[in-house]
Amino acid sequence: MSWFVALFARLALLVVWLSTALVNRAFHGGWLLPLLGILLLPITTLTYVLVSALAGSVTGWGWLWVVLAFLLDLAANSAPARSATRARSTRAGSPSQPGSEREMKKAG
């Protein structure tokens, strides 16, 4: 589900960037930060552009929305690592797990 949210944010940001001047206004005509935003933090970048478009600039309470979007980006980016860790921890007899049965037989 998190990949869908990130994909939607990337597509939405790309459409906004290509069809309006909002991204250019939010980033003062620069192209590097929006490009990095599409690749690394799409929800945060999209939120920054929207808050900047609605309020004129990102100040005060606008930063709250950007920080919340950043936390959502972190959660979306950490979901695959979390599921891999969970799968690794549930794997039976994994030698990488300290205290696993195989490791305890070797020691004892």
C-alpha atoms as a PDB file:
ATOM      1  CA  MET A   1       0.000   0.000   0.000  1.00  0.00           C
ATOM      2  CA  SER A   2       2.843   2.399   0.784  1.00  0.00           C
ATOM      3  CA  TRP A   3       4.303   1.968  -2.702  1.00  0.00           C
ATOM      4  CA  PHE A   4       0.939   3.013  -4.163  1.00  0.00           C
ATOM      5  CA  VAL A   5       0.889   6.224  -2.108  1.00  0.00           C
ATOM      6  CA  ALA A   6       4.458   7.052  -3.115  1.00  0.00           C
ATOM      7  CA  LEU A   7       3.724   6.298  -6.778  1.00  0.00           C
ATOM      8  CA  PHE A   8       0.619   8.479  -6.696  1.00  0.00           C
ATOM      9  CA  ALA A   9       2.575  11.336  -5.089  1.00  0.00           C
ATOM     10  CA  ARG A  10       5.316  11.033  -7.722  1.00  0.00           C
ATOM     11  CA  LEU A  11       2.820  11.077 -10.573  1.00  0.00           C
ATOM     12  CA  ALA A  12       0.850  13.959  -9.058  1.00  0.00           C
ATOM     13  CA  LEU A  13       4.001  15.998  -8.506  1.00  0.00           C
ATOM     14  CA  LEU A  14       5.183  15.319 -12.043  1.00  0.00           C
ATOM     15  CA  VAL A  15       1.810  16.389 -13.484  1.00  0.00           C
ATOM     16  CA  VAL A  16       1.772  19.551 -11.358  1.00  0.00           C
ATOM     17  CA  TRP A  17       5.359  20.335 -12.384  1.00  0.00           C
ATOM     18  CA  LEU A  18       4.698  19.869 -16.113  1.00  0.00           C
ATOM     19  CA  SER A  19       1.288  21.535 -16.292  1.00  0.00           C
ATOM     20  CA  THR A  20       1.586  24.500 -13.899  1.00  0.00           C
ATOM     21  CA  ALA A  21       4.201  26.902 -12.577  1.00  0.00           C
ATOM     22  CA  LEU A  22       3.555  25.950  -8.927  1.00  0.00           C
ATOM     23  CA  VAL A  23       6.692  23.842  -8.551  1.00  0.00           C
ATOM     24  CA  ASN A  24       8.862  26.539 -10.125  1.00  0.00           C
ATOM     25  CA  ARG A  25       7.352  29.153  -7.796  1.00  0.00           C
ATOM     26  CA  ALA A  26       7.771  26.989  -4.705  1.00  0.00           C
ATOM     27  CA  PHE A  27      11.417  26.227  -5.476  1.00  0.00           C
ATOM     28  CA  HIS A  28      12.221  29.619  -7.038  1.00  0.00           C
ATOM     29  CA  GLY A  29      12.836  28.233 -10.508  1.00  0.00           C
ATOM     30  CA  GLY A  30      15.277  25.532  -9.441  1.00  0.00           C
ATOM     31  CA  TRP A  31      15.016  22.046 -10.884  1.00  0.00           C
ATOM     32  CA  LEU A  32      17.398  20.001  -8.723  1.00  0.00           C
ATOM     33  CA  LEU A  33      15.388  20.008  -5.465  1.00  0.00           C
ATOM     34  CA  PRO A  34      12.076  19.100  -7.147  1.00  0.00           C
ATOM     35  CA  LEU A  35      13.822  16.299  -9.038  1.00  0.00           C
ATOM     36  CA  LEU A  36      15.361  14.962  -5.815  1.00  0.00           C
ATOM     37  CA  GLY A  37      11.954  15.341  -4.189  1.00  0.00           C
ATOM     38  CA  ILE A  38      10.314  13.185  -6.855  1.00  0.00           C
ATOM     39  CA  LEU A  39      12.946  10.511  -6.355  1.00  0.00           C
ATOM     40  CA  LEU A  40      13.408  10.526  -2.571  1.00  0.00           C
ATOM     41  CA  LEU A  41      10.568  12.305  -0.734  1.00  0.00           C
ATOM     42  CA  PRO A  42       7.604  12.653  -3.090  1.00  0.00           C
ATOM     43  CA  ILE A  43       4.893  13.208  -0.470  1.00  0.00           C
ATOM     44  CA  THR A  44       6.944  15.865   1.312  1.00  0.00           C
ATOM     45  CA  THR A  45       7.739  17.673  -1.933  1.00  0.00           C
ATOM     46  CA  LEU A  46       4.125  17.597  -3.094  1.00  0.00           C
ATOM     47  CA  THR A  47       2.955  18.920   0.277  1.00  0.00           C
ATOM     48  CA  TYR A  48       5.574  21.687   0.188  1.00  0.00           C
ATOM     49  CA  VAL A  49       4.368  22.749  -3.270  1.00  0.00           C
ATOM     50  CA  LEU A  50       0.697  22.696  -2.230  1.00  0.00           C
ATOM     51  CA  VAL A  51       1.269  24.632   1.002  1.00  0.00           C
ATOM     52  CA  SER A  52       3.417  27.121  -0.865  1.00  0.00           C
ATOM     53  CA  ALA A  53       0.700  27.562  -3.504  1.00  0.00           C
ATOM     54  CA  LEU A  54      -2.087  28.027  -0.953  1.00  0.00           C
ATOM     55  CA  ALA A  55      -0.263  30.281   1.530  1.00  0.00           C
ATOM     56  CA  GLY A  56       2.188  32.044  -0.762  1.00  0.00           C
ATOM     57  CA  SER A  57       5.135  30.609   1.163  1.00  0.00           C
ATOM     58  CA  VAL A  58       5.746  27.909   3.744  1.00  0.00           C
ATOM     59  CA  THR A  59       5.759  29.584   7.144  1.00  0.00           C
ATOM     60  CA  GLY A  60       4.333  28.903  10.580  1.00  0.00           C
ATOM     61  CA  TRP A  61       1.671  26.216  10.561  1.00  0.00           C
ATOM     62  CA  GLY A  62       2.509  25.341   6.969  1.00  0.00           C
ATOM     63  CA  TRP A  63       5.642  23.643   8.229  1.00  0.00           C
ATOM     64  CA  LEU A  64       3.456  21.329  10.317  1.00  0.00           C
ATOM     65  CA  TRP A  65       1.969  19.875   7.125  1.00  0.00           C
ATOM     66  CA  VAL A  66       5.420  19.499   5.583  1.00  0.00           C
ATOM     67  CA  VAL A  67       6.742  17.712   8.690  1.00  0.00           C
ATOM     68  CA  LEU A  68       3.717  15.385   8.746  1.00  0.00           C
ATOM     69  CA  ALA A  69       4.309  14.596   5.073  1.00  0.00           C
ATOM     70  CA  PHE A  70       7.982  13.924   5.845  1.00  0.00           C
ATOM     71  CA  LEU A  71       6.966  11.435   8.545  1.00  0.00           C
ATOM     72  CA  LEU A  72       4.603   9.786   6.072  1.00  0.00           C
ATOM     73  CA  ASP A  73       7.462   9.542   3.551  1.00  0.00           C
ATOM     74  CA  LEU A  74       9.683   7.956   6.192  1.00  0.00           C
ATOM     75  CA  ALA A  75       6.983   5.431   7.021  1.00  0.00           C
ATOM     76  CA  ALA A  76       6.445   4.625   3.342  1.00  0.00           C
ATOM     77  CA  ASN A  77      10.184   4.221   2.748  1.00  0.00           C
ATOM     78  CA  SER A  78      10.724   2.058   5.834  1.00  0.00           C
ATOM     79  CA  ALA A  79       7.815  -0.331   5.200  1.00  0.00           C
ATOM     80  CA  PRO A  80       9.811  -2.717   2.945  1.00  0.00           C
ATOM     81  CA  ALA A  81      12.660  -2.875   5.459  1.00  0.00           C
ATOM     82  CA  ARG A  82      10.217  -3.514   8.285  1.00  0.00           C
ATOM     83  CA  SER A  83       8.538  -6.377   6.410  1.00  0.00           C
ATOM     84  CA  ALA A  84      11.926  -7.883   5.484  1.00  0.00           C
ATOM     85  CA  THR A  85      13.011  -7.762   9.124  1.00  0.00           C
ATOM     86  CA  ARG A  86       9.740  -9.334  10.202  1.00  0.00           C
ATOM     87  CA  ALA A  87      10.126 -12.107   7.610  1.00  0.00           C
ATOM     88  CA  ARG A  88      13.708 -12.729   8.694  1.00  0.00           C
ATOM     89  CA  SER A  89      12.706 -12.961  12.341  1.00  0.00           C
ATOM     90  CA  THR A  90       9.936 -15.476  11.658  1.00  0.00           C
ATOM     91  CA  ARG A  91      12.127 -17.726   9.508  1.00  0.00           C
ATOM     92  CA  ALA A  92      12.721 -20.950  11.447  1.00  0.00           C
ATOM     93  CA  GLY A  93      16.279 -22.021  12.082  1.00  0.00           C
ATOM     94  CA  SER A  94      17.876 -18.927  10.708  1.00  0.00           C
ATOM     95  CA  PRO A  95      21.595 -18.863  11.567  1.00  0.00           C
ATOM     96  CA  SER A  96      21.541 -15.071  11.633  1.00  0.00           C
ATOM     97  CA  GLN A  97      19.265 -15.064  14.654  1.00  0.00           C
ATOM     98  CA  PRO A  98      21.078 -15.117  17.975  1.00  0.00           C
ATOM     99  CA  GLY A  99      19.650 -17.817  20.188  1.00  0.00           C
ATOM    100  CA  SER A 100      18.240 -19.923  17.364  1.00  0.00           C
ATOM    101  CA  GLU A 101      18.034 -23.696  17.892  1.00  0.00           C
ATOM    102  CA  ARG A 102      20.812 -24.455  15.408  1.00  0.00           C
ATOM    103  CA  GLU A 103      23.146 -22.000  17.094  1.00  0.00           C
ATOM    104  CA  MET A 104      22.302 -23.348  20.538  1.00  0.00           C
ATOM    105  CA  LYS A 105      23.041 -26.956  19.426  1.00  0.00           C
ATOM    106  CA  LYS A 106      26.472 -25.879  18.171  1.00  0.00           C
ATOM    107  CA  ALA A 107      27.256 -24.193  21.470  1.00  0.00           C
ATOM    108  CA  GLY A 108      25.939 -27.002  23.673  1.00  0.00           C
END
